[in-house]
Amino acid sequence: MKTDFQIDALVKSYADWLHGHSSLRKVDSWQEVTVPFLDHAGDHFHFYVRAKDGVLRFDDDGYTLNGLQTSGFNFKGKRAERLTQTARQFGATCENGSIVMTARPEKSGDAMNWYVQALIHVDSLIEVVSRKTTSYFVDDVAEALTQQDIFYTQNINIQGKSLYSHNFNFLFQKSKTLPTTFAQAPIQLDKGTVATTTFAWIDVSETNERRGAVLIVFTDDREKAINQTAVTGFAKYGIKVLGFSQIASDARQLIPV
């Protein structure tokens, strides 16, 4: 684990990057927010925020779901259920084609963190269209772990040192030889994924309850090589990257069973 100075520097660097690459624009009684995270089409996410009657409301005005629909995602059957579950996982809901969330103003920072994550994860549902498959990568990882008799808890929300909450795809309880292990299974390893994952992990791992825990990032290497730049970036903070093709051979050596 890095020193407190280095961790503080990372947090400040992340905050500076996020602030420096975000923008605000007033639209009637709303503030339009654009953040430096890209959707599946390569555009920046943007949404609207308004404080009214003591409540903070976030609304993307249909941007995310319209983008999914335009790219061929249909909102029927299990896909509709997955969409609802994904939004709720981050405290958001789908209302009249928009992703919305409400929060108390004093929780604005945590709420915005959750809302942006909701948009990113809902947008990532396009995976089943782009990969021409009926399953999601995180589900494939879960099945591969099950085949190795590795037991886990999915979709864990953990509060970090900053008091922001972060979601992790998997939690593996510690064993006699291995520490408590968390894991993420993002669809792709790009700059935004590395930044948000690293920030969340450092924030969580610095709490007294999580000291000594480790993080593994699963990545899909079935059709393309692992992004080595991302691997190097994660390694600086003790985060291991494991390709999907390595689960059968290496997972039991890295994950408590």
C-alpha atoms as a PDB file:
ATOM      1  CA  MET A   1       0.000   0.000   0.000  1.00  0.00           C
ATOM      2  CA  LYS A   2       1.270   3.474  -0.824  1.00  0.00           C
ATOM      3  CA  THR A   3       1.978   6.148   1.761  1.00  0.00           C
ATOM      4  CA  ASP A   4      -0.711   8.568   2.905  1.00  0.00           C
ATOM      5  CA  PHE A   5       0.998  11.350   0.966  1.00  0.00           C
ATOM      6  CA  GLN A   6       0.813   9.413  -2.272  1.00  0.00           C
ATOM      7  CA  ILE A   7      -2.795   8.420  -1.625  1.00  0.00           C
ATOM      8  CA  ASP A   8      -3.764  12.009  -0.866  1.00  0.00           C
ATOM      9  CA  ALA A   9      -1.994  13.045  -4.054  1.00  0.00           C
ATOM     10  CA  LEU A  10      -3.986  10.498  -6.022  1.00  0.00           C
ATOM     11  CA  VAL A  11      -7.279  11.690  -4.582  1.00  0.00           C
ATOM     12  CA  LYS A  12      -6.382  15.313  -5.301  1.00  0.00           C
ATOM     13  CA  SER A  13      -5.248  14.416  -8.819  1.00  0.00           C
ATOM     14  CA  TYR A  14      -8.503  12.596  -9.493  1.00  0.00           C
ATOM     15  CA  ALA A  15     -10.578  15.463  -8.082  1.00  0.00           C
ATOM     16  CA  ASP A  16      -8.612  18.018 -10.118  1.00  0.00           C
ATOM     17  CA  TRP A  17      -9.033  15.952 -13.281  1.00  0.00           C
ATOM     18  CA  LEU A  18     -12.757  15.536 -12.720  1.00  0.00           C
ATOM     19  CA  HIS A  19     -13.270  19.213 -11.931  1.00  0.00           C
ATOM     20  CA  GLY A  20     -11.058  20.446 -14.746  1.00  0.00           C
ATOM     21  CA  HIS A  21     -12.792  18.346 -17.373  1.00  0.00           C
ATOM     22  CA  SER A  22     -16.372  18.889 -16.248  1.00  0.00           C
ATOM     23  CA  SER A  23     -18.592  21.818 -17.187  1.00  0.00           C
ATOM     24  CA  LEU A  24     -21.786  23.524 -16.070  1.00  0.00           C
ATOM     25  CA  ARG A  25     -24.396  25.382 -18.098  1.00  0.00           C
ATOM     26  CA  LYS A  26     -27.588  26.923 -16.745  1.00  0.00           C
ATOM     27  CA  VAL A  27     -30.756  25.763 -18.528  1.00  0.00           C
ATOM     28  CA  ASP A  28     -33.851  27.421 -17.045  1.00  0.00           C
ATOM     29  CA  SER A  29     -34.060  26.241 -13.416  1.00  0.00           C
ATOM     30  CA  TRP A  30     -31.606  23.390 -14.047  1.00  0.00           C
ATOM     31  CA  GLN A  31     -27.830  23.130 -14.257  1.00  0.00           C
ATOM     32  CA  GLU A  32     -26.579  21.012 -17.150  1.00  0.00           C
ATOM     33  CA  VAL A  33     -23.529  19.013 -16.054  1.00  0.00           C
ATOM     34  CA  THR A  34     -21.074  17.410 -18.477  1.00  0.00           C
ATOM     35  CA  VAL A  35     -18.527  14.992 -17.012  1.00  0.00           C
ATOM     36  CA  PRO A  36     -15.334  13.535 -18.572  1.00  0.00           C
ATOM     37  CA  PHE A  37     -16.627   9.993 -18.943  1.00  0.00           C
ATOM     38  CA  LEU A  38     -17.514   8.636 -22.356  1.00  0.00           C
ATOM     39  CA  ASP A  39     -20.573   6.616 -23.287  1.00  0.00           C
ATOM     40  CA  HIS A  40     -20.517   3.723 -25.750  1.00  0.00           C
ATOM     41  CA  ALA A  41     -20.735   6.168 -28.672  1.00  0.00           C
ATOM     42  CA  GLY A  42     -17.704   8.150 -27.486  1.00  0.00           C
ATOM     43  CA  ASP A  43     -19.684  11.153 -26.238  1.00  0.00           C
ATOM     44  CA  HIS A  44     -19.412  12.708 -22.787  1.00  0.00           C
ATOM     45  CA  PHE A  45     -22.192  11.979 -20.345  1.00  0.00           C
ATOM     46  CA  HIS A  46     -24.334  14.966 -19.486  1.00  0.00           C
ATOM     47  CA  PHE A  47     -27.316  15.394 -17.216  1.00  0.00           C
ATOM     48  CA  TYR A  48     -29.294  18.005 -15.310  1.00  0.00           C
ATOM     49  CA  VAL A  49     -29.414  18.886 -11.622  1.00  0.00           C
ATOM     50  CA  ARG A  50     -31.901  21.049  -9.747  1.00  0.00           C
ATOM     51  CA  ALA A  51     -32.435  21.859  -6.083  1.00  0.00           C
ATOM     52  CA  LYS A  52     -36.104  22.458  -5.263  1.00  0.00           C
ATOM     53  CA  ASP A  53     -38.159  22.213  -2.078  1.00  0.00           C
ATOM     54  CA  GLY A  54     -35.189  20.882  -0.140  1.00  0.00           C
ATOM     55  CA  VAL A  55     -34.553  18.042  -2.601  1.00  0.00           C
ATOM     56  CA  LEU A  56     -31.765  17.612  -5.138  1.00  0.00           C
ATOM     57  CA  ARG A  57     -32.969  16.004  -8.372  1.00  0.00           C
ATOM     58  CA  PHE A  58     -30.803  14.456 -11.097  1.00  0.00           C
ATOM     59  CA  ASP A  59     -32.300  13.798 -14.537  1.00  0.00           C
ATOM     60  CA  ASP A  60     -30.591  12.893 -17.827  1.00  0.00           C
ATOM     61  CA  ASP A  61     -33.629  13.927 -19.929  1.00  0.00           C
ATOM     62  CA  GLY A  62     -33.642  10.587 -21.743  1.00  0.00           C
ATOM     63  CA  TYR A  63     -30.048  10.915 -23.008  1.00  0.00           C
ATOM     64  CA  THR A  64     -28.813   7.508 -21.828  1.00  0.00           C
ATOM     65  CA  LEU A  65     -31.767   5.353 -22.817  1.00  0.00           C
ATOM     66  CA  ASN A  66     -32.181   7.115 -26.162  1.00  0.00           C
ATOM     67  CA  GLY A  67     -28.534   6.365 -26.892  1.00  0.00           C
ATOM     68  CA  LEU A  68     -29.041   2.701 -26.080  1.00  0.00           C
ATOM     69  CA  GLN A  69     -32.152   2.453 -28.217  1.00  0.00           C
ATOM     70  CA  THR A  70     -30.489   4.179 -31.164  1.00  0.00           C
ATOM     71  CA  SER A  71     -27.681   1.611 -30.990  1.00  0.00           C
ATOM     72  CA  GLY A  72     -30.066  -1.334 -31.135  1.00  0.00           C
ATOM     73  CA  PHE A  73     -30.815  -2.080 -27.486  1.00  0.00           C
ATOM     74  CA  ASN A  74     -34.417  -3.128 -26.895  1.00  0.00           C
ATOM     75  CA  PHE A  75     -36.150  -2.673 -23.564  1.00  0.00           C
ATOM     76  CA  LYS A  76     -38.091  -5.929 -23.402  1.00  0.00           C
ATOM     77  CA  GLY A  77     -38.084  -8.969 -21.141  1.00  0.00           C
ATOM     78  CA  LYS A  78     -34.861  -9.707 -19.263  1.00  0.00           C
ATOM     79  CA  ARG A  79     -33.125  -6.664 -20.713  1.00  0.00           C
ATOM     80  CA  ALA A  80     -35.777  -4.409 -19.187  1.00  0.00           C
ATOM     81  CA  GLU A  81     -35.361  -6.175 -15.851  1.00  0.00           C
ATOM     82  CA  ARG A  82     -31.576  -5.781 -16.018  1.00  0.00           C
ATOM     83  CA  LEU A  83     -31.975  -2.093 -16.823  1.00  0.00           C
ATOM     84  CA  THR A  84     -34.205  -1.513 -13.794  1.00  0.00           C
ATOM     85  CA  GLN A  85     -31.922  -3.513 -11.509  1.00  0.00           C
ATOM     86  CA  THR A  86     -28.826  -1.672 -12.694  1.00  0.00           C
ATOM     87  CA  ALA A  87     -30.342   1.756 -12.085  1.00  0.00           C
ATOM     88  CA  ARG A  88     -31.641   0.761  -8.652  1.00  0.00           C
ATOM     89  CA  GLN A  89     -28.254  -0.637  -7.714  1.00  0.00           C
ATOM     90  CA  PHE A  90     -27.020   2.958  -7.658  1.00  0.00           C
ATOM     91  CA  GLY A  91     -30.124   4.520  -6.147  1.00  0.00           C
ATOM     92  CA  ALA A  92     -31.617   5.707  -9.441  1.00  0.00           C
ATOM     93  CA  THR A  93     -34.850   4.818 -11.237  1.00  0.00           C
ATOM     94  CA  CYS A  94     -36.193   4.898 -14.784  1.00  0.00           C
ATOM     95  CA  GLU A  95     -39.057   7.359 -15.215  1.00  0.00           C
ATOM     96  CA  ASN A  96     -40.641   8.219 -18.578  1.00  0.00           C
ATOM     97  CA  GLY A  97     -37.501   7.273 -20.479  1.00  0.00           C
ATOM     98  CA  SER A  98     -35.096   9.137 -18.188  1.00  0.00           C
ATOM     99  CA  ILE A  99     -32.682   8.015 -15.491  1.00  0.00           C
ATOM    100  CA  VAL A 100     -33.552  10.028 -12.384  1.00  0.00           C
ATOM    101  CA  MET A 101     -32.470  10.211  -8.773  1.00  0.00           C
ATOM    102  CA  THR A 102     -33.300  12.384  -5.778  1.00  0.00           C
ATOM    103  CA  ALA A 103     -31.159  13.135  -2.739  1.00  0.00           C
ATOM    104  CA  ARG A 104     -30.804  15.512   0.180  1.00  0.00           C
ATOM    105  CA  PRO A 105     -28.595  18.536  -0.626  1.00  0.00           C
ATOM    106  CA  GLU A 106     -26.185  17.680   2.210  1.00  0.00           C
ATOM    107  CA  LYS A 107     -25.517  14.382   0.400  1.00  0.00           C
ATOM    108  CA  SER A 108     -24.848  16.065  -2.934  1.00  0.00           C
ATOM    109  CA  GLY A 109     -21.293  14.766  -3.428  1.00  0.00           C
ATOM    110  CA  ASP A 110     -22.143  11.145  -2.721  1.00  0.00           C
ATOM    111  CA  ALA A 111     -25.370  11.450  -4.718  1.00  0.00           C
ATOM    112  CA  MET A 112     -23.574  12.779  -7.789  1.00  0.00           C
ATOM    113  CA  ASN A 113     -21.004  10.000  -7.514  1.00  0.00           C
ATOM    114  CA  TRP A 114     -23.808   7.412  -7.450  1.00  0.00           C
ATOM    115  CA  TYR A 115     -25.735   9.066 -10.260  1.00  0.00           C
ATOM    116  CA  VAL A 116     -22.770   9.212 -12.627  1.00  0.00           C
ATOM    117  CA  GLN A 117     -22.068   5.555 -11.882  1.00  0.00           C
ATOM    118  CA  ALA A 118     -25.713   4.758 -12.614  1.00  0.00           C
ATOM    119  CA  LEU A 119     -25.460   6.397 -16.043  1.00  0.00           C
ATOM    120  CA  ILE A 120     -22.174   4.645 -16.841  1.00  0.00           C
ATOM    121  CA  HIS A 121     -23.458   1.214 -15.822  1.00  0.00           C
ATOM    122  CA  VAL A 122     -26.814   1.599 -17.561  1.00  0.00           C
ATOM    123  CA  ASP A 123     -25.031   2.695 -20.742  1.00  0.00           C
ATOM    124  CA  SER A 124     -22.751  -0.349 -20.477  1.00  0.00           C
ATOM    125  CA  LEU A 125     -25.776  -2.594 -21.034  1.00  0.00           C
ATOM    126  CA  ILE A 126     -25.152  -2.002 -24.744  1.00  0.00           C
ATOM    127  CA  GLU A 127     -22.559  -4.766 -24.338  1.00  0.00           C
ATOM    128  CA  VAL A 128     -25.058  -7.446 -25.354  1.00  0.00           C
ATOM    129  CA  VAL A 129     -25.611  -5.641 -28.660  1.00  0.00           C
ATOM    130  CA  SER A 130     -21.977  -4.826 -29.439  1.00  0.00           C
ATOM    131  CA  ARG A 131     -20.804  -8.329 -28.518  1.00  0.00           C
ATOM    132  CA  LYS A 132     -23.824 -10.007 -30.140  1.00  0.00           C
ATOM    133  CA  THR A 133     -24.425 -12.100 -27.048  1.00  0.00           C
ATOM    134  CA  THR A 134     -27.224 -12.645 -24.557  1.00  0.00           C
ATOM    135  CA  SER A 135     -24.966 -12.546 -21.498  1.00  0.00           C
ATOM    136  CA  TYR A 136     -23.020  -9.792 -19.776  1.00  0.00           C
ATOM    137  CA  PHE A 137     -19.320 -10.007 -18.963  1.00  0.00           C
ATOM    138  CA  VAL A 138     -19.912  -9.808 -15.218  1.00  0.00           C
ATOM    139  CA  ASP A 139     -22.305 -12.777 -15.530  1.00  0.00           C
ATOM    140  CA  ASP A 140     -19.718 -14.721 -17.513  1.00  0.00           C
ATOM    141  CA  VAL A 141     -17.185 -14.043 -14.755  1.00  0.00           C
ATOM    142  CA  ALA A 142     -19.644 -15.187 -12.095  1.00  0.00           C
ATOM    143  CA  GLU A 143     -20.285 -18.431 -13.979  1.00  0.00           C
ATOM    144  CA  ALA A 144     -16.557 -19.043 -14.477  1.00  0.00           C
ATOM    145  CA  LEU A 145     -15.924 -18.537 -10.752  1.00  0.00           C
ATOM    146  CA  THR A 146     -18.766 -20.891  -9.883  1.00  0.00           C
ATOM    147  CA  GLN A 147     -17.244 -23.550 -12.122  1.00  0.00           C
ATOM    148  CA  GLN A 148     -14.047 -23.250 -10.063  1.00  0.00           C
ATOM    149  CA  ASP A 149     -16.028 -23.684  -6.812  1.00  0.00           C
ATOM    150  CA  ILE A 150     -15.170 -20.117  -5.786  1.00  0.00           C
ATOM    151  CA  PHE A 151     -17.916 -18.605  -3.653  1.00  0.00           C
ATOM    152  CA  TYR A 152     -18.713 -14.906  -3.689  1.00  0.00           C
ATOM    153  CA  THR A 153     -21.199 -12.176  -2.841  1.00  0.00           C
ATOM    154  CA  GLN A 154     -22.209  -9.870  -5.681  1.00  0.00           C
ATOM    155  CA  ASN A 155     -22.958  -6.133  -5.843  1.00  0.00           C
ATOM    156  CA  ILE A 156     -21.520  -4.932  -2.547  1.00  0.00           C
ATOM    157  CA  ASN A 157     -21.750  -1.258  -1.555  1.00  0.00           C
ATOM    158  CA  ILE A 158     -18.899  -0.092   0.676  1.00  0.00           C
ATOM    159  CA  GLN A 159     -18.377   3.329   2.263  1.00  0.00           C
ATOM    160  CA  GLY A 160     -14.922   4.785   1.765  1.00  0.00           C
ATOM    161  CA  LYS A 161     -12.730   7.078   3.830  1.00  0.00           C
ATOM    162  CA  SER A 162     -14.252  10.066   2.015  1.00  0.00           C
ATOM    163  CA  LEU A 163     -17.698   8.868   3.215  1.00  0.00           C
ATOM    164  CA  TYR A 164     -18.647   8.283  -0.418  1.00  0.00           C
ATOM    165  CA  SER A 165     -20.045   4.837  -1.172  1.00  0.00           C
ATOM    166  CA  HIS A 166     -18.672   2.575  -3.896  1.00  0.00           C
ATOM    167  CA  ASN A 167     -20.064  -0.520  -5.575  1.00  0.00           C
ATOM    168  CA  PHE A 168     -18.015  -3.658  -6.198  1.00  0.00           C
ATOM    169  CA  ASN A 169     -19.104  -6.553  -8.405  1.00  0.00           C
ATOM    170  CA  PHE A 170     -17.718  -9.294  -6.149  1.00  0.00           C
ATOM    171  CA  LEU A 171     -16.623  -9.848  -2.556  1.00  0.00           C
ATOM    172  CA  PHE A 172     -14.644 -12.917  -1.467  1.00  0.00           C
ATOM    173  CA  GLN A 173     -14.318 -13.501   2.271  1.00  0.00           C
ATOM    174  CA  LYS A 174     -10.758 -13.933   3.564  1.00  0.00           C
ATOM    175  CA  SER A 175      -9.294 -17.383   4.144  1.00  0.00           C
ATOM    176  CA  LYS A 176      -6.371 -18.641   6.237  1.00  0.00           C
ATOM    177  CA  THR A 177      -3.924 -17.786   3.479  1.00  0.00           C
ATOM    178  CA  LEU A 178      -5.524 -14.927   1.520  1.00  0.00           C
ATOM    179  CA  PRO A 179      -7.012 -11.584   2.585  1.00  0.00           C
ATOM    180  CA  THR A 180     -10.524 -10.307   1.924  1.00  0.00           C
ATOM    181  CA  THR A 181     -10.699  -9.747  -1.807  1.00  0.00           C
ATOM    182  CA  PHE A 182     -12.916  -7.438  -3.843  1.00  0.00           C
ATOM    183  CA  ALA A 183     -13.283  -7.615  -7.613  1.00  0.00           C
ATOM    184  CA  GLN A 184     -14.620  -5.566 -10.488  1.00  0.00           C
ATOM    185  CA  ALA A 185     -15.537  -6.840 -13.938  1.00  0.00           C
ATOM    186  CA  PRO A 186     -15.771  -3.808 -16.233  1.00  0.00           C
ATOM    187  CA  ILE A 187     -16.603  -4.275 -19.878  1.00  0.00           C
ATOM    188  CA  GLN A 188     -13.461  -2.466 -20.986  1.00  0.00           C
ATOM    189  CA  LEU A 189     -10.317  -1.011 -19.465  1.00  0.00           C
ATOM    190  CA  ASP A 190     -10.120   2.586 -20.612  1.00  0.00           C
ATOM    191  CA  LYS A 191      -8.822   5.725 -18.912  1.00  0.00           C
ATOM    192  CA  GLY A 192     -12.145   6.473 -17.251  1.00  0.00           C
ATOM    193  CA  THR A 193     -12.465   2.943 -15.881  1.00  0.00           C
ATOM    194  CA  VAL A 194      -8.949   3.003 -14.470  1.00  0.00           C
ATOM    195  CA  ALA A 195      -9.505   6.402 -12.857  1.00  0.00           C
ATOM    196  CA  THR A 196     -12.849   5.631 -11.212  1.00  0.00           C
ATOM    197  CA  THR A 197     -11.854   2.120 -10.139  1.00  0.00           C
ATOM    198  CA  THR A 198      -8.568   3.254  -8.613  1.00  0.00           C
ATOM    199  CA  PHE A 199     -10.169   6.163  -6.784  1.00  0.00           C
ATOM    200  CA  ALA A 200     -12.916   3.933  -5.378  1.00  0.00           C
ATOM    201  CA  TRP A 201     -10.444   1.282  -4.275  1.00  0.00           C
ATOM    202  CA  ILE A 202      -8.006   3.646  -2.551  1.00  0.00           C
ATOM    203  CA  ASP A 203     -10.935   5.347  -0.802  1.00  0.00           C
ATOM    204  CA  VAL A 204     -12.278   2.018   0.475  1.00  0.00           C
ATOM    205  CA  SER A 205      -8.977   0.315   1.283  1.00  0.00           C
ATOM    206  CA  GLU A 206      -7.917   3.227   3.501  1.00  0.00           C
ATOM    207  CA  THR A 207     -10.742   2.590   5.986  1.00  0.00           C
ATOM    208  CA  ASN A 208      -9.753   0.685   9.123  1.00  0.00           C
ATOM    209  CA  GLU A 209     -12.221  -2.099   8.336  1.00  0.00           C
ATOM    210  CA  ARG A 210     -10.690  -2.782   4.906  1.00  0.00           C
ATOM    211  CA  ARG A 211      -6.965  -2.481   5.582  1.00  0.00           C
ATOM    212  CA  GLY A 212      -5.138  -5.440   4.096  1.00  0.00           C
ATOM    213  CA  ALA A 213      -7.895  -6.206   1.596  1.00  0.00           C
ATOM    214  CA  VAL A 214      -7.011  -6.483  -2.092  1.00  0.00           C
ATOM    215  CA  LEU A 215      -8.732  -5.740  -5.387  1.00  0.00           C
ATOM    216  CA  ILE A 216      -8.761  -7.797  -8.576  1.00  0.00           C
ATOM    217  CA  VAL A 217     -10.024  -6.428 -11.883  1.00  0.00           C
ATOM    218  CA  PHE A 218     -11.299  -9.036 -14.314  1.00  0.00           C
ATOM    219  CA  THR A 219     -10.984  -8.116 -17.962  1.00  0.00           C
ATOM    220  CA  ASP A 220     -12.344  -9.727 -21.111  1.00  0.00           C
ATOM    221  CA  ASP A 221      -9.414 -11.099 -23.129  1.00  0.00           C
ATOM    222  CA  ARG A 222     -11.405 -13.552 -25.212  1.00  0.00           C
ATOM    223  CA  GLU A 223     -11.338 -11.479 -28.381  1.00  0.00           C
ATOM    224  CA  LYS A 224      -8.601  -8.885 -27.811  1.00  0.00           C
ATOM    225  CA  ALA A 225      -5.411  -8.486 -25.809  1.00  0.00           C
ATOM    226  CA  ILE A 226      -5.433  -6.993 -22.333  1.00  0.00           C
ATOM    227  CA  ASN A 227      -4.774  -3.245 -22.205  1.00  0.00           C
ATOM    228  CA  GLN A 228      -1.253  -3.213 -20.756  1.00  0.00           C
ATOM    229  CA  THR A 229      -1.364   0.514 -20.048  1.00  0.00           C
ATOM    230  CA  ALA A 230      -4.298  -0.137 -17.725  1.00  0.00           C
ATOM    231  CA  VAL A 231      -2.467  -3.067 -16.139  1.00  0.00           C
ATOM    232  CA  THR A 232       0.515  -0.829 -15.407  1.00  0.00           C
ATOM    233  CA  GLY A 233      -1.711   1.893 -13.979  1.00  0.00           C
ATOM    234  CA  PHE A 234      -3.515  -0.520 -11.672  1.00  0.00           C
ATOM    235  CA  ALA A 235      -0.259  -2.160 -10.570  1.00  0.00           C
ATOM    236  CA  LYS A 236       0.989   1.139  -9.127  1.00  0.00           C
ATOM    237  CA  TYR A 237      -1.728   0.800  -6.483  1.00  0.00           C
ATOM    238  CA  GLY A 238      -1.454  -2.922  -5.898  1.00  0.00           C
ATOM    239  CA  ILE A 239      -4.494  -3.771  -8.032  1.00  0.00           C
ATOM    240  CA  LYS A 240      -4.207  -7.030  -9.962  1.00  0.00           C
ATOM    241  CA  VAL A 241      -5.701  -7.584 -13.420  1.00  0.00           C
ATOM    242  CA  LEU A 242      -6.873 -11.074 -14.366  1.00  0.00           C
ATOM    243  CA  GLY A 243      -8.003 -11.975 -17.866  1.00  0.00           C
ATOM    244  CA  PHE A 244     -11.147 -14.044 -18.276  1.00  0.00           C
ATOM    245  CA  SER A 245      -9.093 -16.784 -19.923  1.00  0.00           C
ATOM    246  CA  GLN A 246      -6.932 -16.974 -16.782  1.00  0.00           C
ATOM    247  CA  ILE A 247      -9.765 -17.650 -14.341  1.00  0.00           C
ATOM    248  CA  ALA A 248      -9.638 -21.436 -14.757  1.00  0.00           C
ATOM    249  CA  SER A 249      -5.866 -21.624 -14.205  1.00  0.00           C
ATOM    250  CA  ASP A 250      -5.097 -18.765 -11.801  1.00  0.00           C
ATOM    251  CA  ALA A 251      -8.195 -17.649  -9.893  1.00  0.00           C
ATOM    252  CA  ARG A 252      -7.933 -20.151  -7.054  1.00  0.00           C
ATOM    253  CA  GLN A 253      -4.375 -18.987  -6.310  1.00  0.00           C
ATOM    254  CA  LEU A 254      -5.468 -15.342  -6.027  1.00  0.00           C
ATOM    255  CA  ILE A 255      -8.957 -15.570  -4.527  1.00  0.00           C
ATOM    256  CA  PRO A 256      -9.886 -16.963  -1.086  1.00  0.00           C
ATOM    257  CA  VAL A 257     -11.772 -20.260  -1.363  1.00  0.00           C
END
